Amino acid sequence: MITVYDDKYKEDVIKLILHVQNVEYELGIRVEEQPDILDIQSNYINDGGNFWI
């Protein structure tokens, strides 16, 4: 199912993003290096955009 992001999914979304970046692509990037994913609402949705999960 695809749905619009809600903060109740925050931890799972962060885990998924980090897994793809670090396990699948071996980028070695930390969550602290990408503050946009810590506040998806402000960085993607509040400006009229959206974030689908």
Protein backbone atom coordinates (compact mmCIF):
# COMPACT_ATOMS: atom_id res chain seq x y z
CA MET A 1 0.00 0.00 0.00
CA ILE A 2 1.23 3.49 -0.82
CA THR A 3 0.16 6.27 1.51
CA VAL A 4 1.01 9.86 2.41
CA TYR A 5 3.70 10.25 5.06
CA ASP A 6 2.62 10.77 8.65
CA ASP A 7 4.94 11.27 11.63
CA LYS A 8 3.71 7.96 13.07
CA TYR A 9 5.90 6.33 10.38
CA LYS A 10 8.98 8.46 11.12
CA GLU A 11 11.19 5.83 12.78
CA ASP A 12 10.34 3.17 10.19
CA VAL A 13 11.01 5.56 7.29
CA ILE A 14 14.37 6.55 8.75
CA LYS A 15 15.31 2.89 9.26
CA LEU A 16 14.34 2.07 5.67
CA ILE A 17 16.30 4.99 4.21
CA LEU A 18 19.39 4.15 6.25
CA HIS A 19 19.14 0.47 5.34
CA VAL A 20 19.03 1.22 1.62
CA GLN A 21 21.87 3.72 1.85
CA ASN A 22 24.16 1.73 4.11
CA VAL A 23 23.37 -1.94 3.58
CA GLU A 24 22.32 -2.07 -0.04
CA TYR A 25 24.57 0.71 -1.39
CA GLU A 26 27.28 0.75 1.32
CA LEU A 27 27.40 4.55 1.45
CA GLY A 28 28.27 4.82 5.15
CA ILE A 29 26.00 7.81 5.72
CA ARG A 30 24.49 8.64 9.11
CA VAL A 31 21.09 10.13 9.86
CA GLU A 32 22.82 13.19 11.35
CA GLU A 33 24.27 13.95 7.91
CA GLN A 34 20.82 14.27 6.36
CA PRO A 35 18.66 16.40 8.65
CA ASP A 36 15.89 16.57 6.06
CA ILE A 37 14.74 13.05 6.94
CA LEU A 38 14.48 13.98 10.61
CA ASP A 39 11.75 16.49 9.77
CA ILE A 40 9.99 15.30 6.62
CA GLN A 41 6.93 17.41 7.35
CA SER A 42 8.85 20.71 7.27
CA ASN A 43 11.27 19.77 4.51
CA TYR A 44 8.89 18.20 2.01
CA ILE A 45 5.21 18.61 2.86
CA ASN A 46 4.71 22.08 4.36
CA ASP A 47 5.89 23.80 1.17
CA GLY A 48 3.15 22.14 -0.87
CA GLY A 49 5.03 18.97 -1.71
CA ASN A 50 4.40 15.46 -0.52
CA PHE A 51 6.23 12.40 0.68
CA TRP A 52 4.76 9.03 -0.24
CA ILE A 53 5.58 5.82 1.55
